[in-house]
Amino acid sequence: MLPITDCRLALARAHPLPLTPPGVLALPLPARLQAALRHALSLALLFALLAPAAAVAAPGAASAVPQGLALPPYASQLRQDCNSGRPHVEIRDCMLARSKASTQEVETAEDAVRAALNARAETLPHLKRSTAQFDAAAKAHARYRLQQCEFAAGLAVGQRLQREQRLGCLHDVNLKRLQQLQQIRQTLP
């Protein structure tokens, strides 16, 4: 084991930022811990440097979300749309209603594609098999949506944020599915 002064000198050579202020006795640290501390200091410095640049780059975003509050990525847009100075219960109800409405829109669009496939299947026999494949794809997408949104909700901390994350995810995945279904309907023969 190196003496304390040798450890401090070796650490100063390895990383220009001192880990301890001058005059404080530095205890020898394992190499992994030293590397982790250097990495943490580097990240903190990087975030400190980037935070003012992010505020300048998006001045409107700073006013929409209170400082220090990071909304989950899926829930943020839906939450911002539903948030107009309302109490939290009303925000949650709005998010719930909009995610349910988007789910109903997806089901209606799937029924429309299914009906269009069935109508064209009478004249084009190869579309009968496509109808069964579409039904299987619709069921698989519903399972995917539930699993993906459970995963997204699991990334949030706290039960309230998990609900918001799940609702925002459902809304976003439903909107993407609606776009896909519109494209399918437009490209049908």
C-alpha atoms as a PDB file:
ATOM      1  CA  MET A   1       0.000   0.000   0.000  1.00  0.00           C
ATOM      2  CA  LEU A   2       1.265   3.438  -0.948  1.00  0.00           C
ATOM      3  CA  PRO A   3       1.630   6.161   1.637  1.00  0.00           C
ATOM      4  CA  ILE A   4      -1.109   8.796   1.641  1.00  0.00           C
ATOM      5  CA  THR A   5       1.048  11.390  -0.095  1.00  0.00           C
ATOM      6  CA  ASP A   6       1.964   8.916  -2.872  1.00  0.00           C
ATOM      7  CA  CYS A   7      -1.720   8.018  -3.415  1.00  0.00           C
ATOM      8  CA  ARG A   8      -2.636  11.668  -3.655  1.00  0.00           C
ATOM      9  CA  LEU A   9       0.185  12.344  -6.083  1.00  0.00           C
ATOM     10  CA  ALA A  10      -0.767   9.340  -8.236  1.00  0.00           C
ATOM     11  CA  LEU A  11      -4.398  10.430  -8.227  1.00  0.00           C
ATOM     12  CA  ALA A  12      -3.434  13.987  -9.159  1.00  0.00           C
ATOM     13  CA  ARG A  13      -1.467  12.651 -12.125  1.00  0.00           C
ATOM     14  CA  ALA A  14      -4.316  10.400 -13.245  1.00  0.00           C
ATOM     15  CA  HIS A  15      -6.981  13.097 -13.006  1.00  0.00           C
ATOM     16  CA  PRO A  16      -6.375  16.844 -12.932  1.00  0.00           C
ATOM     17  CA  LEU A  17      -9.348  17.578 -10.631  1.00  0.00           C
ATOM     18  CA  PRO A  18      -8.537  17.028  -6.941  1.00  0.00           C
ATOM     19  CA  LEU A  19     -10.945  14.684  -5.203  1.00  0.00           C
ATOM     20  CA  THR A  20     -10.320  16.284  -1.815  1.00  0.00           C
ATOM     21  CA  PRO A  21      -9.877  19.959  -0.980  1.00  0.00           C
ATOM     22  CA  PRO A  22      -6.381  21.078   0.066  1.00  0.00           C
ATOM     23  CA  GLY A  23      -5.617  20.539   3.709  1.00  0.00           C
ATOM     24  CA  VAL A  24      -7.992  17.557   4.046  1.00  0.00           C
ATOM     25  CA  LEU A  25      -6.402  14.203   4.768  1.00  0.00           C
ATOM     26  CA  ALA A  26      -6.976  11.903   1.770  1.00  0.00           C
ATOM     27  CA  LEU A  27      -7.484   8.245   2.546  1.00  0.00           C
ATOM     28  CA  PRO A  28      -6.348   5.665  -0.002  1.00  0.00           C
ATOM     29  CA  LEU A  29      -9.240   4.517  -2.195  1.00  0.00           C
ATOM     30  CA  PRO A  30      -9.489   1.405  -4.349  1.00  0.00           C
ATOM     31  CA  ALA A  31      -8.858   2.004  -8.054  1.00  0.00           C
ATOM     32  CA  ARG A  32     -12.447   1.210  -9.040  1.00  0.00           C
ATOM     33  CA  LEU A  33     -13.833   3.697  -6.555  1.00  0.00           C
ATOM     34  CA  GLN A  34     -11.377   6.348  -7.733  1.00  0.00           C
ATOM     35  CA  ALA A  35     -12.464   5.749 -11.325  1.00  0.00           C
ATOM     36  CA  ALA A  36     -16.136   5.917 -10.331  1.00  0.00           C
ATOM     37  CA  LEU A  37     -15.584   9.195  -8.485  1.00  0.00           C
ATOM     38  CA  ARG A  38     -13.717  10.683 -11.448  1.00  0.00           C
ATOM     39  CA  HIS A  39     -16.531   9.572 -13.742  1.00  0.00           C
ATOM     40  CA  ALA A  40     -19.185  11.075 -11.434  1.00  0.00           C
ATOM     41  CA  LEU A  41     -17.285  14.354 -11.236  1.00  0.00           C
ATOM     42  CA  SER A  42     -16.928  14.453 -15.019  1.00  0.00           C
ATOM     43  CA  LEU A  43     -20.667  13.846 -15.484  1.00  0.00           C
ATOM     44  CA  ALA A  44     -21.564  16.491 -12.918  1.00  0.00           C
ATOM     45  CA  LEU A  45     -19.304  18.969 -14.657  1.00  0.00           C
ATOM     46  CA  LEU A  46     -20.779  18.055 -18.040  1.00  0.00           C
ATOM     47  CA  PHE A  47     -24.360  18.507 -16.796  1.00  0.00           C
ATOM     48  CA  ALA A  48     -23.446  21.797 -15.147  1.00  0.00           C
ATOM     49  CA  LEU A  49     -22.029  23.039 -18.433  1.00  0.00           C
ATOM     50  CA  LEU A  50     -24.921  21.764 -20.572  1.00  0.00           C
ATOM     51  CA  ALA A  51     -27.801  22.965 -18.375  1.00  0.00           C
ATOM     52  CA  PRO A  52     -27.496  26.662 -19.339  1.00  0.00           C
ATOM     53  CA  ALA A  53     -27.180  25.695 -23.036  1.00  0.00           C
ATOM     54  CA  ALA A  54     -30.364  23.631 -22.849  1.00  0.00           C
ATOM     55  CA  ALA A  55     -32.239  26.525 -21.248  1.00  0.00           C
ATOM     56  CA  VAL A  56     -31.105  28.873 -24.025  1.00  0.00           C
ATOM     57  CA  ALA A  57     -31.898  26.338 -26.764  1.00  0.00           C
ATOM     58  CA  ALA A  58     -35.493  25.808 -25.613  1.00  0.00           C
ATOM     59  CA  PRO A  59     -36.778  28.913 -23.824  1.00  0.00           C
ATOM     60  CA  GLY A  60     -40.441  27.867 -24.220  1.00  0.00           C
ATOM     61  CA  ALA A  61     -39.804  24.470 -22.643  1.00  0.00           C
ATOM     62  CA  ALA A  62     -38.554  26.026 -19.419  1.00  0.00           C
ATOM     63  CA  SER A  63     -41.816  27.866 -18.881  1.00  0.00           C
ATOM     64  CA  ALA A  64     -44.024  24.846 -19.689  1.00  0.00           C
ATOM     65  CA  VAL A  65     -42.459  22.575 -17.066  1.00  0.00           C
ATOM     66  CA  PRO A  66     -41.489  23.818 -13.595  1.00  0.00           C
ATOM     67  CA  GLN A  67     -37.741  23.939 -13.093  1.00  0.00           C
ATOM     68  CA  GLY A  68     -36.329  20.746 -11.620  1.00  0.00           C
ATOM     69  CA  LEU A  69     -39.360  18.672 -12.624  1.00  0.00           C
ATOM     70  CA  ALA A  70     -38.680  16.188 -15.393  1.00  0.00           C
ATOM     71  CA  LEU A  71     -41.803  14.619 -16.793  1.00  0.00           C
ATOM     72  CA  PRO A  72     -41.636  11.099 -18.170  1.00  0.00           C
ATOM     73  CA  PRO A  73     -41.040  11.077 -21.942  1.00  0.00           C
ATOM     74  CA  TYR A  74     -44.326   9.364 -22.860  1.00  0.00           C
ATOM     75  CA  ALA A  75     -46.548  11.279 -20.468  1.00  0.00           C
ATOM     76  CA  SER A  76     -45.094  14.740 -20.971  1.00  0.00           C
ATOM     77  CA  GLN A  77     -46.979  15.820 -24.118  1.00  0.00           C
ATOM     78  CA  LEU A  78     -50.308  14.367 -23.037  1.00  0.00           C
ATOM     79  CA  ARG A  79     -49.868  15.787 -19.533  1.00  0.00           C
ATOM     80  CA  GLN A  80     -49.026  19.218 -20.940  1.00  0.00           C
ATOM     81  CA  ASP A  81     -52.097  19.033 -23.189  1.00  0.00           C
ATOM     82  CA  CYS A  82     -54.318  18.137 -20.230  1.00  0.00           C
ATOM     83  CA  ASN A  83     -52.671  20.558 -17.785  1.00  0.00           C
ATOM     84  CA  SER A  84     -54.180  24.013 -17.843  1.00  0.00           C
ATOM     85  CA  GLY A  85     -53.877  24.963 -14.203  1.00  0.00           C
ATOM     86  CA  ARG A  86     -56.192  22.155 -13.131  1.00  0.00           C
ATOM     87  CA  PRO A  87     -55.842  20.056  -9.998  1.00  0.00           C
ATOM     88  CA  HIS A  88     -53.957  16.794 -10.385  1.00  0.00           C
ATOM     89  CA  VAL A  89     -57.123  14.673 -10.218  1.00  0.00           C
ATOM     90  CA  GLU A  90     -58.571  16.495 -13.231  1.00  0.00           C
ATOM     91  CA  ILE A  91     -55.292  16.135 -15.122  1.00  0.00           C
ATOM     92  CA  ARG A  92     -55.332  12.390 -14.495  1.00  0.00           C
ATOM     93  CA  ASP A  93     -58.991  12.160 -15.563  1.00  0.00           C
ATOM     94  CA  CYS A  94     -58.216  14.059 -18.767  1.00  0.00           C
ATOM     95  CA  MET A  95     -55.262  11.763 -19.521  1.00  0.00           C
ATOM     96  CA  LEU A  96     -57.410   8.710 -18.822  1.00  0.00           C
ATOM     97  CA  ALA A  97     -60.232   9.939 -21.056  1.00  0.00           C
ATOM     98  CA  ARG A  98     -57.872  10.792 -23.909  1.00  0.00           C
ATOM     99  CA  SER A  99     -56.042   7.459 -23.733  1.00  0.00           C
ATOM    100  CA  LYS A 100     -59.373   5.573 -23.687  1.00  0.00           C
ATOM    101  CA  ALA A 101     -60.615   7.653 -26.627  1.00  0.00           C
ATOM    102  CA  SER A 102     -57.458   6.886 -28.606  1.00  0.00           C
ATOM    103  CA  THR A 103     -57.885   3.167 -27.858  1.00  0.00           C
ATOM    104  CA  GLN A 104     -61.474   3.326 -29.147  1.00  0.00           C
ATOM    105  CA  GLU A 105     -60.261   5.164 -32.269  1.00  0.00           C
ATOM    106  CA  VAL A 106     -57.755   2.369 -32.910  1.00  0.00           C
ATOM    107  CA  GLU A 107     -60.472  -0.274 -32.522  1.00  0.00           C
ATOM    108  CA  THR A 108     -62.741   1.651 -34.904  1.00  0.00           C
ATOM    109  CA  ALA A 109     -59.927   2.026 -37.447  1.00  0.00           C
ATOM    110  CA  GLU A 110     -59.103  -1.700 -37.175  1.00  0.00           C
ATOM    111  CA  ASP A 111     -62.780  -2.520 -37.789  1.00  0.00           C
ATOM    112  CA  ALA A 112     -62.750  -0.238 -40.851  1.00  0.00           C
ATOM    113  CA  VAL A 113     -59.633  -1.932 -42.266  1.00  0.00           C
ATOM    114  CA  ARG A 114     -61.145  -5.343 -41.523  1.00  0.00           C
ATOM    115  CA  ALA A 115     -64.381  -4.360 -43.295  1.00  0.00           C
ATOM    116  CA  ALA A 116     -62.449  -3.009 -46.296  1.00  0.00           C
ATOM    117  CA  LEU A 117     -60.434  -6.237 -46.498  1.00  0.00           C
ATOM    118  CA  ASN A 118     -63.589  -8.340 -46.307  1.00  0.00           C
ATOM    119  CA  ALA A 119     -65.319  -6.249 -48.997  1.00  0.00           C
ATOM    120  CA  ARG A 120     -62.362  -6.578 -51.357  1.00  0.00           C
ATOM    121  CA  ALA A 121     -61.825 -10.257 -50.511  1.00  0.00           C
ATOM    122  CA  GLU A 122     -64.894 -11.162 -52.574  1.00  0.00           C
ATOM    123  CA  THR A 123     -63.247  -9.918 -55.768  1.00  0.00           C
ATOM    124  CA  LEU A 124     -59.625 -10.625 -54.810  1.00  0.00           C
ATOM    125  CA  PRO A 125     -59.389 -14.108 -53.200  1.00  0.00           C
ATOM    126  CA  HIS A 126     -55.837 -13.656 -51.892  1.00  0.00           C
ATOM    127  CA  LEU A 127     -57.165 -11.037 -49.448  1.00  0.00           C
ATOM    128  CA  LYS A 128     -59.059 -13.694 -47.435  1.00  0.00           C
ATOM    129  CA  ARG A 129     -55.750 -14.855 -46.005  1.00  0.00           C
ATOM    130  CA  SER A 130     -54.737 -11.218 -45.460  1.00  0.00           C
ATOM    131  CA  THR A 131     -57.828 -10.693 -43.303  1.00  0.00           C
ATOM    132  CA  ALA A 132     -56.773 -13.512 -40.962  1.00  0.00           C
ATOM    133  CA  GLN A 133     -53.228 -12.138 -40.883  1.00  0.00           C
ATOM    134  CA  PHE A 134     -54.551  -8.671 -40.081  1.00  0.00           C
ATOM    135  CA  ASP A 135     -56.579 -10.068 -37.167  1.00  0.00           C
ATOM    136  CA  ALA A 136     -53.469 -11.792 -35.807  1.00  0.00           C
ATOM    137  CA  ALA A 137     -51.448  -8.587 -36.242  1.00  0.00           C
ATOM    138  CA  ALA A 138     -54.113  -6.543 -34.432  1.00  0.00           C
ATOM    139  CA  LYS A 139     -54.058  -8.947 -31.469  1.00  0.00           C
ATOM    140  CA  ALA A 140     -50.250  -8.926 -31.420  1.00  0.00           C
ATOM    141  CA  HIS A 141     -50.211  -5.132 -31.481  1.00  0.00           C
ATOM    142  CA  ALA A 142     -52.625  -4.971 -28.535  1.00  0.00           C
ATOM    143  CA  ARG A 143     -50.300  -7.254 -26.545  1.00  0.00           C
ATOM    144  CA  TYR A 144     -47.281  -5.180 -27.609  1.00  0.00           C
ATOM    145  CA  ARG A 145     -49.015  -1.967 -26.530  1.00  0.00           C
ATOM    146  CA  LEU A 146     -49.739  -3.344 -23.058  1.00  0.00           C
ATOM    147  CA  GLN A 147     -46.230  -4.736 -22.585  1.00  0.00           C
ATOM    148  CA  GLN A 148     -44.497  -1.614 -23.910  1.00  0.00           C
ATOM    149  CA  CYS A 149     -46.526   0.681 -21.704  1.00  0.00           C
ATOM    150  CA  GLU A 150     -45.973  -1.495 -18.634  1.00  0.00           C
ATOM    151  CA  PHE A 151     -42.251  -1.244 -19.359  1.00  0.00           C
ATOM    152  CA  ALA A 152     -42.496   2.538 -19.772  1.00  0.00           C
ATOM    153  CA  ALA A 153     -44.464   2.830 -16.535  1.00  0.00           C
ATOM    154  CA  GLY A 154     -41.845   0.767 -14.735  1.00  0.00           C
ATOM    155  CA  LEU A 155     -39.232   3.400 -15.579  1.00  0.00           C
ATOM    156  CA  ALA A 156     -41.119   6.060 -13.613  1.00  0.00           C
ATOM    157  CA  VAL A 157     -40.604   6.506  -9.890  1.00  0.00           C
ATOM    158  CA  GLY A 158     -43.739   6.581  -7.785  1.00  0.00           C
ATOM    159  CA  GLN A 159     -47.223   5.265  -8.351  1.00  0.00           C
ATOM    160  CA  ARG A 160     -48.669   8.544  -9.638  1.00  0.00           C
ATOM    161  CA  LEU A 161     -45.945   8.984 -12.243  1.00  0.00           C
ATOM    162  CA  GLN A 162     -46.303   5.336 -13.272  1.00  0.00           C
ATOM    163  CA  ARG A 163     -49.998   5.880 -14.028  1.00  0.00           C
ATOM    164  CA  GLU A 164     -49.234   9.020 -16.011  1.00  0.00           C
ATOM    165  CA  GLN A 165     -46.418   7.275 -17.868  1.00  0.00           C
ATOM    166  CA  ARG A 166     -48.712   4.358 -18.734  1.00  0.00           C
ATOM    167  CA  LEU A 167     -51.534   6.628 -19.940  1.00  0.00           C
ATOM    168  CA  GLY A 168     -49.185   8.788 -21.988  1.00  0.00           C
ATOM    169  CA  CYS A 169     -47.584   5.710 -23.521  1.00  0.00           C
ATOM    170  CA  LEU A 170     -50.965   4.213 -24.432  1.00  0.00           C
ATOM    171  CA  HIS A 171     -51.997   7.474 -26.073  1.00  0.00           C
ATOM    172  CA  ASP A 172     -48.748   7.761 -28.072  1.00  0.00           C
ATOM    173  CA  VAL A 173     -48.719   4.116 -29.191  1.00  0.00           C
ATOM    174  CA  ASN A 174     -52.385   4.430 -30.199  1.00  0.00           C
ATOM    175  CA  LEU A 175     -51.653   7.529 -32.289  1.00  0.00           C
ATOM    176  CA  LYS A 176     -48.842   5.701 -34.092  1.00  0.00           C
ATOM    177  CA  ARG A 177     -51.116   2.732 -34.701  1.00  0.00           C
ATOM    178  CA  LEU A 178     -53.811   5.041 -36.097  1.00  0.00           C
ATOM    179  CA  GLN A 179     -51.299   6.409 -38.599  1.00  0.00           C
ATOM    180  CA  GLN A 180     -50.338   2.867 -39.610  1.00  0.00           C
ATOM    181  CA  LEU A 181     -53.971   1.876 -40.064  1.00  0.00           C
ATOM    182  CA  GLN A 182     -54.669   4.948 -42.189  1.00  0.00           C
ATOM    183  CA  GLN A 183     -51.719   4.059 -44.424  1.00  0.00           C
ATOM    184  CA  ILE A 184     -52.936   0.453 -44.694  1.00  0.00           C
ATOM    185  CA  ARG A 185     -56.421   1.607 -45.634  1.00  0.00           C
ATOM    186  CA  GLN A 186     -55.074   3.960 -48.295  1.00  0.00           C
ATOM    187  CA  THR A 187     -52.847   1.303 -49.879  1.00  0.00           C
ATOM    188  CA  LEU A 188     -55.449  -1.455 -50.075  1.00  0.00           C
ATOM    189  CA  PRO A 189     -56.014  -2.647 -53.651  1.00  0.00           C
END
